[in-house]
């Protein structure tokens, strides 16, 4: 009887093991965009294995999706969320699991997803100028984006190597919308960027701008606010400025692809990442602005970790700041013009 009981017990454990097979959650996020310890915690809490991949642009992420790669959660920017919705490549969030009650109102219900049916904000920010206060005359900042054409700073500029951000700067400097499709305005922006390229000797950069500006290697750089927040913390000589002509307000969001294998776990992951604890740890690790109301108030308070950090405290409700809109024809046109500028 004892041998039979033991056999039954062994079989029971084996069957239990079969029924509790560890599932896999595949996440696709920007590089250096999370406190890695959160992945371990989620795995333990949900008995799941997380496969965590990183991308460096919305376009490279989209290309990988189109190649047939499947993910349960991805983190595209606003205009890419708009594209994915238009192409029926996303599924709606389960609002019984994913609550947006604690999310800042100024990052919700935007045109790219009016009711946040498909997307939950993750981080947000804008594009501005980080500058060395020991090299840049504060009066020159009154020129806004056109300070980048001031020959006083020739050879002292880092410029972000992105056609959309490049045309944002030029269009705003000229007083136009960042989403302009007017050929005459785009041609003016092309000429503005051509002048920058030919007269100012800018160095085109991506993430390497961070360490270079921490080291004070140039006087001015076009940067994302989250990178600027880190630079400000690391170099006391640096300042952050967002021109009065307006800029890009961006929102990176968590979404679930239509072909996700584990949508239930995906919704759980999104809810987990929106929690106060996860938002606090992520924003401290990465430097980008949290979307959580309470964490936001804590971080920018007098006693907060980002107190007095102009880059972290993103400008809100400024009429000339715009979210990028997806337009394939405009994207191709800007890309072609940007290649011509850099080839000169």
Protein backbone atom coordinates (compact mmCIF):
# COMPACT_ATOMS: atom_id res chain seq x y z
CA UNK A 1 0.00 0.00 0.00
CA UNK A 2 2.83 2.37 0.83
CA UNK A 3 4.46 1.69 -2.57
CA UNK A 4 1.11 2.30 -4.32
CA UNK A 5 0.53 5.53 -2.38
CA UNK A 6 4.01 6.75 -3.26
CA UNK A 7 3.40 5.99 -6.95
CA UNK A 8 0.13 7.90 -6.87
CA UNK A 9 1.90 10.86 -5.20
CA UNK A 10 4.67 10.90 -7.83
CA UNK A 11 2.10 10.79 -10.63
CA UNK A 12 0.18 13.64 -9.00
CA UNK A 13 3.31 15.82 -8.91
CA UNK A 14 4.06 14.99 -12.53
CA UNK A 15 0.56 15.94 -13.62
CA UNK A 16 0.71 19.15 -11.59
CA UNK A 17 3.98 20.01 -13.31
CA UNK A 18 2.36 19.52 -16.72
CA UNK A 19 -0.54 21.80 -15.79
CA UNK A 20 1.68 24.57 -14.45
CA UNK A 21 3.90 24.89 -17.49
CA UNK A 22 5.68 28.24 -17.45
CA UNK A 23 4.37 30.58 -20.12
CA UNK A 24 6.51 33.01 -22.08
CA UNK A 25 5.82 36.73 -22.41
CA UNK A 26 7.66 38.50 -25.23
CA UNK A 27 8.29 42.23 -24.72
CA UNK A 28 9.80 44.63 -27.28
CA UNK A 29 10.95 47.95 -25.81
CA UNK A 30 13.39 50.78 -26.45
CA UNK A 31 16.98 50.26 -25.37
CA UNK A 32 17.90 51.27 -21.79
CA UNK A 33 14.27 52.00 -20.96
CA UNK A 34 13.54 49.94 -17.83
CA UNK A 35 14.74 48.94 -14.40
CA UNK A 36 15.71 45.35 -15.19
CA UNK A 37 14.87 44.13 -11.69
CA UNK A 38 11.18 44.65 -12.52
CA UNK A 39 11.41 41.87 -15.09
CA UNK A 40 12.59 39.41 -12.43
CA UNK A 41 9.77 40.44 -10.10
CA UNK A 42 7.11 40.00 -12.79
CA UNK A 43 8.48 36.56 -13.66
CA UNK A 44 8.25 35.42 -10.05
CA UNK A 45 4.82 36.92 -9.42
CA UNK A 46 3.21 35.44 -12.54
CA UNK A 47 5.32 32.30 -12.95
CA UNK A 48 6.29 33.41 -16.44
CA UNK A 49 9.47 33.68 -18.46
CA UNK A 50 9.94 37.11 -20.00
CA UNK A 51 11.82 37.40 -23.29
CA UNK A 52 12.86 41.05 -23.41
CA UNK A 53 14.15 42.49 -26.71
CA UNK A 54 15.16 46.07 -27.49
CA UNK A 55 14.88 48.34 -30.55
CA UNK A 56 16.42 51.70 -31.44
CA UNK A 57 13.68 53.30 -33.56
CA UNK A 58 9.97 53.01 -34.25
CA UNK A 59 10.75 52.11 -37.83
CA UNK A 60 13.10 49.23 -36.95
CA UNK A 61 10.47 47.93 -34.53
CA UNK A 62 7.81 48.07 -37.23
CA UNK A 63 10.06 46.31 -39.74
CA UNK A 64 10.65 43.45 -37.33
CA UNK A 65 6.91 43.07 -36.75
CA UNK A 66 6.31 42.99 -40.47
CA UNK A 67 8.95 40.29 -40.87
CA UNK A 68 6.72 37.96 -38.88
CA UNK A 69 8.24 38.32 -35.41
CA UNK A 70 5.56 38.05 -32.72
CA UNK A 71 5.49 39.97 -29.43
CA UNK A 72 2.97 40.26 -26.62
CA UNK A 73 3.83 43.86 -25.63
CA UNK A 74 5.58 46.58 -27.63
CA UNK A 75 6.28 50.22 -26.74
CA UNK A 76 5.94 52.47 -29.81
CA UNK A 77 5.70 56.25 -29.90
CA UNK A 78 2.49 58.15 -30.60
CA UNK A 79 2.60 58.36 -34.39
CA UNK A 80 3.54 54.70 -34.65
CA UNK A 81 0.64 53.76 -32.37
CA UNK A 82 -1.58 55.66 -34.81
CA UNK A 83 -0.16 53.67 -37.73
CA UNK A 84 -0.54 50.32 -35.99
CA UNK A 85 -4.17 51.10 -35.15
CA UNK A 86 -4.91 52.17 -38.73
CA UNK A 87 -3.41 48.94 -40.04
CA UNK A 88 -5.42 46.79 -37.58
CA UNK A 89 -2.24 45.49 -35.98
CA UNK A 90 -3.26 46.08 -32.36
CA UNK A 91 -5.88 44.66 -30.02
CA UNK A 92 -7.76 46.63 -27.39
CA UNK A 93 -6.58 46.70 -23.80
CA UNK A 94 -8.57 44.88 -21.16
CA UNK A 95 -9.67 47.86 -19.05
CA UNK A 96 -10.76 45.50 -16.26
CA UNK A 97 -7.05 44.72 -15.81
CA UNK A 98 -5.36 47.88 -17.08
CA UNK A 99 -6.52 50.93 -15.12
CA UNK A 100 -5.53 54.40 -16.28
CA UNK A 101 -7.02 56.13 -13.24
CA UNK A 102 -3.61 57.08 -11.86
CA UNK A 103 -2.19 58.28 -15.19
CA UNK A 104 -1.58 62.00 -15.80
CA UNK A 105 -4.50 63.50 -17.72
CA UNK A 106 -2.22 65.43 -20.09
CA UNK A 107 -0.92 62.20 -21.67
CA UNK A 108 -4.34 60.59 -22.12
CA UNK A 109 -6.98 60.74 -24.89
CA UNK A 110 -4.68 62.11 -27.57
CA UNK A 111 -5.63 62.06 -31.25
CA UNK A 112 -3.53 59.00 -32.05
CA UNK A 113 -5.75 56.93 -29.68
CA UNK A 114 -8.62 59.19 -28.49
CA UNK A 115 -9.98 56.91 -25.76
CA UNK A 116 -6.79 54.99 -25.02
CA UNK A 117 -8.54 51.85 -26.17
CA UNK A 118 -5.29 50.42 -27.52
CA UNK A 119 -2.48 52.18 -25.65
CA UNK A 120 -1.32 52.87 -22.09
CA UNK A 121 1.29 55.65 -21.62
CA UNK A 122 4.72 54.52 -20.45
CA UNK A 123 7.01 57.59 -20.57
CA UNK A 124 6.60 61.07 -22.07
CA UNK A 125 8.65 64.14 -22.82
CA UNK A 126 9.65 66.68 -25.45
CA UNK A 127 12.59 67.74 -27.61
CA UNK A 128 14.77 70.69 -26.62
CA UNK A 129 18.27 72.10 -26.38
CA UNK A 130 20.81 71.10 -23.77
CA UNK A 131 23.51 73.77 -23.53
CA UNK A 132 26.69 74.50 -21.65
CA UNK A 133 26.08 77.62 -19.57
CA UNK A 134 29.82 78.36 -19.58
CA UNK A 135 29.89 78.50 -23.39
CA UNK A 136 26.44 79.75 -24.43
CA UNK A 137 25.29 83.34 -23.93
CA UNK A 138 21.80 83.23 -22.37
CA UNK A 139 20.72 86.13 -24.63
CA UNK A 140 21.34 83.95 -27.68
CA UNK A 141 18.64 81.56 -26.46
CA UNK A 142 16.12 84.27 -27.31
CA UNK A 143 16.65 83.25 -30.95
CA UNK A 144 15.00 79.90 -30.15
CA UNK A 145 15.84 77.12 -32.59
CA UNK A 146 17.69 79.65 -34.74
CA UNK A 147 20.53 79.68 -32.21
CA UNK A 148 21.64 76.61 -34.15
CA UNK A 149 22.47 78.93 -37.06
CA UNK A 150 24.46 81.38 -34.94
CA UNK A 151 28.01 81.08 -36.29
CA UNK A 152 29.36 81.84 -32.83
CA UNK A 153 28.66 78.15 -32.20
CA UNK A 154 30.03 76.74 -35.41
CA UNK A 155 31.61 73.34 -34.77
CA UNK A 156 30.06 73.23 -31.29
CA UNK A 157 26.73 71.57 -32.04
CA UNK A 158 25.37 68.02 -31.77
CA UNK A 159 22.28 67.48 -33.90
CA UNK A 160 20.03 64.45 -33.60
CA UNK A 161 20.33 62.14 -36.61
CA UNK A 162 16.61 61.72 -37.28
CA UNK A 163 14.75 63.18 -40.24
CA UNK A 164 11.54 63.71 -38.26
CA UNK A 165 13.31 65.52 -35.42
CA UNK A 166 15.45 67.47 -37.88
CA UNK A 167 12.42 68.76 -39.77
CA UNK A 168 10.67 69.44 -36.47
CA UNK A 169 13.46 71.86 -35.55
CA UNK A 170 13.53 73.54 -38.96
CA UNK A 171 9.76 73.83 -39.36
CA UNK A 172 9.33 75.26 -35.86
CA UNK A 173 12.23 77.68 -36.39
CA UNK A 174 10.36 78.95 -39.46
CA UNK A 175 7.05 79.26 -37.63
CA UNK A 176 5.33 76.25 -39.22
CA UNK A 177 3.64 73.13 -37.90
CA UNK A 178 5.84 70.13 -37.17
CA UNK A 179 3.30 68.10 -39.17
CA UNK A 180 3.28 70.41 -42.19
CA UNK A 181 2.79 68.73 -45.58
CA UNK A 182 2.94 71.98 -47.56
CA UNK A 183 5.66 71.61 -50.18
CA UNK A 184 6.79 75.24 -49.99
CA UNK A 185 7.20 74.98 -46.20
CA UNK A 186 9.07 71.68 -46.47
CA UNK A 187 11.37 73.26 -49.05
CA UNK A 188 12.05 76.16 -46.69
CA UNK A 189 12.85 73.66 -43.95
CA UNK A 190 15.13 71.80 -46.35
CA UNK A 191 17.00 75.05 -47.06
CA UNK A 192 17.23 75.80 -43.31
CA UNK A 193 18.75 72.40 -42.61
CA UNK A 194 21.05 72.72 -45.62
CA UNK A 195 22.34 76.01 -44.22
CA UNK A 196 22.87 74.37 -40.82
CA UNK A 197 24.77 71.52 -42.43
CA UNK A 198 26.96 73.69 -44.66
CA UNK A 199 27.78 76.55 -42.30
CA UNK A 200 27.68 75.16 -38.75
CA UNK A 201 29.57 71.85 -39.11
CA UNK A 202 27.18 69.95 -36.78
CA UNK A 203 28.00 66.46 -35.55
CA UNK A 204 25.07 64.10 -36.13
CA UNK A 205 24.44 61.82 -33.16
CA UNK A 206 21.98 59.47 -31.50
CA UNK A 207 22.33 58.13 -27.95
CA UNK A 208 26.05 58.99 -27.88
CA UNK A 209 24.99 62.60 -27.33
CA UNK A 210 24.40 61.78 -23.65
CA UNK A 211 27.96 60.95 -22.63
CA UNK A 212 29.36 63.64 -24.89
CA UNK A 213 27.31 66.39 -23.30
CA UNK A 214 27.96 65.07 -19.80
CA UNK A 215 31.63 65.50 -20.69
CA UNK A 216 30.95 69.01 -22.06
CA UNK A 217 32.36 68.19 -25.49
CA UNK A 218 30.09 70.66 -27.33
CA UNK A 219 28.19 73.82 -26.46
CA UNK A 220 24.69 72.87 -27.66
CA UNK A 221 22.81 69.70 -28.53
CA UNK A 222 19.31 68.81 -29.70
CA UNK A 223 18.10 66.13 -27.26
CA UNK A 224 15.09 64.33 -25.85
CA UNK A 225 14.06 65.64 -22.46
CA UNK A 226 14.74 62.37 -20.64
CA UNK A 227 18.34 62.35 -21.86
CA UNK A 228 18.61 66.00 -20.91
CA UNK A 229 17.35 65.23 -17.39
CA UNK A 230 20.20 62.77 -16.94
CA UNK A 231 22.76 65.19 -18.38
CA UNK A 232 21.60 67.95 -16.02
CA UNK A 233 22.08 65.64 -13.05
CA UNK A 234 25.57 64.68 -14.18
CA UNK A 235 26.95 68.09 -15.21
CA UNK A 236 26.07 71.18 -13.17
CA UNK A 237 27.15 73.48 -16.00
CA UNK A 238 24.35 72.29 -18.27
CA UNK A 239 20.97 73.95 -18.84
CA UNK A 240 17.86 72.84 -20.73
CA UNK A 241 15.80 75.10 -22.97
CA UNK A 242 12.65 74.53 -25.02
CA UNK A 243 12.21 77.26 -27.65
CA UNK A 244 9.12 79.44 -27.66
CA UNK A 245 8.38 78.47 -31.28
CA UNK A 246 7.23 75.09 -29.98
CA UNK A 247 8.49 71.54 -30.11
CA UNK A 248 7.42 67.90 -30.29
CA UNK A 249 5.53 66.50 -27.31
CA UNK A 250 5.95 62.72 -27.48
CA UNK A 251 4.32 59.84 -25.63
CA UNK A 252 5.69 56.29 -25.69
CA UNK A 253 2.94 53.77 -24.93
CA UNK A 254 2.51 50.08 -24.16
CA UNK A 255 0.34 48.23 -26.69
CA UNK A 256 -0.58 44.63 -27.49
CA UNK A 257 -0.17 43.37 -31.07
CA UNK A 258 -3.22 41.75 -32.64
CA UNK A 259 -1.33 38.44 -33.02
CA UNK A 260 0.02 38.30 -29.44
CA UNK A 261 0.20 34.75 -28.08
CA UNK A 262 -0.49 35.75 -24.45
CA UNK A 263 -2.81 38.78 -24.31
CA UNK A 264 -3.88 38.05 -20.72
CA UNK A 265 -0.29 38.17 -19.52
CA UNK A 266 0.30 41.21 -21.70
CA UNK A 267 -2.47 43.10 -19.93
CA UNK A 268 -1.04 41.99 -16.59
CA UNK A 269 2.42 43.27 -17.62
CA UNK A 270 0.99 46.66 -18.60
CA UNK A 271 -0.91 46.95 -15.32
CA UNK A 272 2.26 45.96 -13.43
CA UNK A 273 4.31 48.63 -15.23
CA UNK A 274 1.71 51.29 -14.43
CA UNK A 275 1.87 50.60 -10.71
CA UNK A 276 3.27 53.30 -8.44
CA UNK A 277 6.26 51.16 -7.46
CA UNK A 278 7.23 50.25 -11.02
CA UNK A 279 6.76 53.81 -12.27
CA UNK A 280 8.90 55.18 -9.45
CA UNK A 281 11.72 52.72 -10.02
CA UNK A 282 11.63 53.08 -13.79
CA UNK A 283 11.74 56.86 -13.78
CA UNK A 284 14.66 56.87 -11.32
CA UNK A 285 16.54 54.30 -13.39
CA UNK A 286 15.93 55.81 -16.83
CA UNK A 287 15.52 59.54 -16.21
CA UNK A 288 12.44 60.00 -18.39
CA UNK A 289 9.26 61.54 -17.01
CA UNK A 290 6.77 59.26 -15.29
CA UNK A 291 3.12 59.12 -16.36
CA UNK A 292 1.92 58.26 -12.82
CA UNK A 293 0.21 61.18 -11.04
CA UNK A 294 1.55 60.52 -7.55
CA UNK A 295 5.05 59.62 -8.70
CA UNK A 296 5.13 62.76 -10.86
CA UNK A 297 4.22 64.99 -7.91
CA UNK A 298 6.79 63.30 -5.72
CA UNK A 299 9.61 63.56 -8.27
CA UNK A 300 9.15 67.28 -9.01
CA UNK A 301 8.46 68.31 -5.40
CA UNK A 302 11.05 70.31 -3.45
CA UNK A 303 12.25 67.07 -1.85
CA UNK A 304 11.94 64.99 -5.01
CA UNK A 305 14.76 63.36 -6.94
CA UNK A 306 14.11 65.65 -9.93
CA UNK A 307 13.45 68.87 -8.01
CA UNK A 308 14.50 71.83 -10.13
CA UNK A 309 15.30 69.65 -13.15
CA UNK A 310 13.87 71.65 -16.07
CA UNK A 311 14.09 68.74 -18.47
CA UNK A 312 12.15 66.33 -16.25
CA UNK A 313 9.31 68.78 -15.55
CA UNK A 314 7.92 68.63 -19.10
CA UNK A 315 6.17 71.74 -20.36
CA UNK A 316 2.40 71.14 -20.63
CA UNK A 317 -0.52 72.84 -22.38
CA UNK A 318 1.71 74.98 -24.58
CA UNK A 319 -0.23 75.70 -27.77
CA UNK A 320 2.73 75.45 -30.14
CA UNK A 321 3.91 72.04 -28.92
CA UNK A 322 2.69 69.20 -31.12
CA UNK A 323 2.49 65.42 -31.20
CA UNK A 324 3.76 63.90 -34.44
CA UNK A 325 1.09 62.48 -36.75
CA UNK A 326 1.67 59.45 -38.94
CA UNK A 327 1.74 60.18 -42.66
CA UNK A 328 3.60 57.73 -44.90
CA UNK A 329 3.95 60.17 -47.80
CA UNK A 330 5.40 62.85 -45.52
CA UNK A 331 7.73 60.32 -43.89
CA UNK A 332 9.18 59.25 -47.25
CA UNK A 333 9.55 62.86 -48.39
CA UNK A 334 11.39 63.91 -45.23
CA UNK A 335 13.62 60.85 -45.38
CA UNK A 336 14.65 61.60 -48.98
CA UNK A 337 15.34 65.25 -48.21
CA UNK A 338 17.33 64.37 -45.08
CA UNK A 339 19.56 62.00 -47.07
CA UNK A 340 20.23 64.79 -49.59
CA UNK A 341 21.18 67.21 -46.81
CA UNK A 342 23.64 64.83 -45.19
CA UNK A 343 25.16 63.89 -48.54
CA UNK A 344 26.19 67.50 -49.25
